[in-house]
């Protein structure tokens, strides 16, 4: 069995791009990685913190209403 000269999808990208580049290794090297994992984590933590703050605010308002009424 002879191998064909045009074998698509057999590690071609990995020969030219390092693993870090494929995984989004840094601000300048985002080829296949999408957004930075640290940026995703910061956005998630910010979102969770905002939700917690909103819940605390609602609870404090409800407590004040109960004390007044």
N, C-alpha and C. Protein backbone atom coordinates (compact mmCIF):
# COMPACT_ATOMS: atom_id res chain seq x y z
N UNK A 1 0.83 -1.19 0.00
CA UNK A 1 0.00 0.00 0.00
C UNK A 1 0.87 1.25 0.00
N UNK A 2 0.67 2.04 -0.99
CA UNK A 2 1.45 3.27 -1.09
C UNK A 2 0.68 4.41 -0.44
N UNK A 3 1.41 5.26 0.22
CA UNK A 3 0.78 6.45 0.82
C UNK A 3 0.59 7.51 -0.24
N UNK A 4 -0.54 8.16 -0.17
CA UNK A 4 -0.79 9.25 -1.11
C UNK A 4 -0.04 10.50 -0.68
N UNK A 5 0.31 11.31 -1.62
CA UNK A 5 1.06 12.52 -1.32
C UNK A 5 0.19 13.61 -0.70
N UNK A 6 -1.13 13.51 -0.86
CA UNK A 6 -2.02 14.55 -0.37
C UNK A 6 -2.89 13.99 0.75
N UNK A 7 -2.31 13.82 1.93
CA UNK A 7 -3.07 13.29 3.07
C UNK A 7 -3.50 14.46 3.95
N UNK A 8 -4.70 14.91 3.75
CA UNK A 8 -5.19 16.06 4.50
C UNK A 8 -5.51 15.67 5.94
N UNK A 9 -5.26 16.57 6.85
CA UNK A 9 -5.64 16.37 8.24
C UNK A 9 -4.72 15.48 9.03
N UNK A 10 -3.52 15.29 8.58
CA UNK A 10 -2.60 14.43 9.31
C UNK A 10 -1.51 15.29 9.94
N UNK A 11 -1.87 16.03 10.97
CA UNK A 11 -0.90 16.76 11.76
C UNK A 11 -0.27 17.96 11.09
N UNK A 12 -0.83 18.45 10.03
CA UNK A 12 -0.22 19.56 9.32
C UNK A 12 -0.14 20.83 10.16
N UNK A 13 -1.22 21.14 10.87
CA UNK A 13 -1.24 22.37 11.66
C UNK A 13 -0.27 22.28 12.83
N UNK A 14 -0.17 21.12 13.42
CA UNK A 14 0.71 20.98 14.58
C UNK A 14 2.19 21.08 14.18
N UNK A 15 2.48 20.79 12.94
CA UNK A 15 3.87 20.94 12.51
C UNK A 15 4.27 22.41 12.43
N UNK A 16 3.31 23.25 12.08
CA UNK A 16 3.63 24.66 11.89
C UNK A 16 3.29 25.53 13.09
N UNK A 17 2.36 25.10 13.92
CA UNK A 17 1.95 25.88 15.08
C UNK A 17 2.24 25.07 16.35
N UNK A 18 2.76 25.76 17.33
CA UNK A 18 3.00 25.10 18.60
C UNK A 18 1.71 24.86 19.37
N UNK A 19 1.80 24.05 20.39
CA UNK A 19 0.62 23.72 21.20
C UNK A 19 0.04 24.97 21.87
N UNK A 20 0.93 25.85 22.36
CA UNK A 20 0.46 27.07 23.00
C UNK A 20 -0.31 27.95 22.03
N UNK A 21 0.17 28.05 20.81
CA UNK A 21 -0.51 28.88 19.82
C UNK A 21 -1.89 28.32 19.50
N UNK A 22 -2.00 27.01 19.41
CA UNK A 22 -3.29 26.41 19.13
C UNK A 22 -4.25 26.56 20.30
N UNK A 23 -3.73 26.62 21.51
CA UNK A 23 -4.57 26.73 22.69
C UNK A 23 -4.81 28.19 23.09
N UNK A 24 -4.25 29.12 22.34
CA UNK A 24 -4.43 30.53 22.68
C UNK A 24 -3.41 30.99 23.69
N UNK A 25 -2.16 30.68 23.46
CA UNK A 25 -1.11 30.92 24.44
C UNK A 25 -0.67 32.36 24.56
N UNK A 26 -1.49 33.21 25.09
CA UNK A 26 -1.08 34.57 25.34
C UNK A 26 -1.85 35.56 24.50
N UNK A 27 -1.70 36.85 24.81
CA UNK A 27 -2.47 37.87 24.12
C UNK A 27 -2.17 37.95 22.62
N UNK A 28 -0.92 37.72 22.22
CA UNK A 28 -0.57 37.87 20.82
C UNK A 28 -0.73 36.58 20.03
N UNK A 29 -0.81 35.45 20.71
CA UNK A 29 -0.79 34.16 20.00
C UNK A 29 -2.13 33.48 19.90
N UNK A 30 -3.20 34.21 19.78
CA UNK A 30 -4.52 33.57 19.70
C UNK A 30 -4.84 33.20 18.27
N UNK A 31 -4.50 32.00 17.89
CA UNK A 31 -4.83 31.54 16.56
C UNK A 31 -6.07 30.66 16.64
N UNK A 32 -6.03 29.66 17.50
CA UNK A 32 -7.19 28.78 17.59
C UNK A 32 -7.81 28.75 18.97
N UNK A 33 -7.33 29.56 19.89
CA UNK A 33 -7.75 29.42 21.27
C UNK A 33 -8.96 30.23 21.69
N UNK A 34 -9.32 31.24 20.97
CA UNK A 34 -10.44 32.07 21.40
C UNK A 34 -10.01 33.05 22.48
N UNK A 35 -10.88 33.24 23.48
CA UNK A 35 -10.56 34.21 24.52
C UNK A 35 -9.57 33.62 25.54
N UNK A 36 -8.89 34.49 26.20
CA UNK A 36 -7.90 34.12 27.19
C UNK A 36 -8.59 33.47 28.40
N UNK A 37 -8.14 32.33 28.89
CA UNK A 37 -8.77 31.68 30.04
C UNK A 37 -8.81 32.58 31.28
N UNK A 38 -7.76 33.36 31.50
CA UNK A 38 -7.75 34.26 32.65
C UNK A 38 -8.82 35.34 32.51
N UNK A 39 -9.03 35.82 31.29
CA UNK A 39 -10.07 36.82 31.06
C UNK A 39 -11.45 36.22 31.29
N UNK A 40 -11.64 34.97 30.89
CA UNK A 40 -12.91 34.29 31.14
C UNK A 40 -13.16 34.16 32.64
N UNK A 41 -12.11 33.81 33.37
CA UNK A 41 -12.24 33.63 34.82
C UNK A 41 -12.58 34.96 35.49
N UNK A 42 -11.91 36.03 35.07
CA UNK A 42 -12.20 37.34 35.66
C UNK A 42 -13.63 37.76 35.38
N UNK A 43 -14.10 37.51 34.15
CA UNK A 43 -15.48 37.89 33.80
C UNK A 43 -16.48 37.08 34.63
N UNK A 44 -16.22 35.80 34.81
CA UNK A 44 -17.11 34.96 35.60
C UNK A 44 -17.13 35.41 37.06
N UNK A 45 -15.98 35.69 37.63
CA UNK A 45 -15.92 36.14 39.02
C UNK A 45 -16.62 37.48 39.20
N UNK A 46 -16.45 38.39 38.23
CA UNK A 46 -17.12 39.67 38.30
C UNK A 46 -18.65 39.49 38.26
N UNK A 47 -19.10 38.61 37.38
CA UNK A 47 -20.54 38.34 37.26
C UNK A 47 -21.10 37.76 38.56
N UNK A 48 -20.40 36.80 39.14
CA UNK A 48 -20.84 36.20 40.39
C UNK A 48 -20.87 37.22 41.52
N UNK A 49 -19.86 38.07 41.58
CA UNK A 49 -19.80 39.09 42.62
C UNK A 49 -20.96 40.07 42.48
N UNK A 50 -21.29 40.45 41.24
CA UNK A 50 -22.42 41.35 41.02
C UNK A 50 -23.73 40.71 41.47
N UNK A 51 -23.89 39.42 41.20
CA UNK A 51 -25.10 38.71 41.62
C UNK A 51 -25.19 38.67 43.14
N UNK A 52 -24.08 38.40 43.79
CA UNK A 52 -24.08 38.35 45.26
C UNK A 52 -24.41 39.71 45.87
N UNK A 53 -23.84 40.75 45.29
CA UNK A 53 -24.13 42.10 45.78
C UNK A 53 -25.61 42.43 45.62
N UNK A 54 -26.19 42.05 44.48
CA UNK A 54 -27.60 42.32 44.24
C UNK A 54 -28.47 41.55 45.24
N UNK A 55 -28.10 40.30 45.53
CA UNK A 55 -28.87 39.51 46.51
C UNK A 55 -28.78 40.11 47.90
N UNK A 56 -27.58 40.55 48.29
CA UNK A 56 -27.42 41.17 49.60
C UNK A 56 -28.25 42.44 49.71
N UNK A 57 -28.27 43.21 48.64
CA UNK A 57 -29.03 44.45 48.64
C UNK A 57 -30.53 44.16 48.78
N UNK A 58 -31.02 43.16 48.09
CA UNK A 58 -32.43 42.79 48.18
C UNK A 58 -32.77 42.33 49.60
N UNK A 59 -31.91 41.52 50.18
CA UNK A 59 -32.17 41.02 51.54
C UNK A 59 -32.18 42.16 52.55
N UNK A 60 -31.26 43.10 52.40
CA UNK A 60 -31.22 44.22 53.34
C UNK A 60 -32.46 45.10 53.19
N UNK A 61 -32.93 45.28 51.95
CA UNK A 61 -34.15 46.05 51.73
C UNK A 61 -35.36 45.35 52.34
N UNK A 62 -35.44 44.04 52.19
CA UNK A 62 -36.55 43.28 52.76
C UNK A 62 -36.52 43.35 54.28
N UNK A 63 -35.33 43.28 54.85
CA UNK A 63 -35.20 43.35 56.31
C UNK A 63 -35.65 44.70 56.82
N UNK A 64 -35.28 45.76 56.14
CA UNK A 64 -35.70 47.11 56.54
C UNK A 64 -37.21 47.26 56.44
N UNK A 65 -37.81 46.70 55.40
CA UNK A 65 -39.26 46.78 55.25
C UNK A 65 -39.98 46.03 56.38
N UNK A 66 -39.42 44.88 56.77
CA UNK A 66 -40.03 44.10 57.85
C UNK A 66 -39.93 44.84 59.18
N UNK A 67 -38.80 45.51 59.39
CA UNK A 67 -38.63 46.25 60.65
C UNK A 67 -39.57 47.45 60.72
N UNK A 68 -39.80 48.09 59.57
CA UNK A 68 -40.68 49.27 59.56
C UNK A 68 -42.15 48.88 59.62
N UNK A 69 -42.51 47.77 58.98
CA UNK A 69 -43.93 47.45 58.88
C UNK A 69 -44.38 46.36 59.73
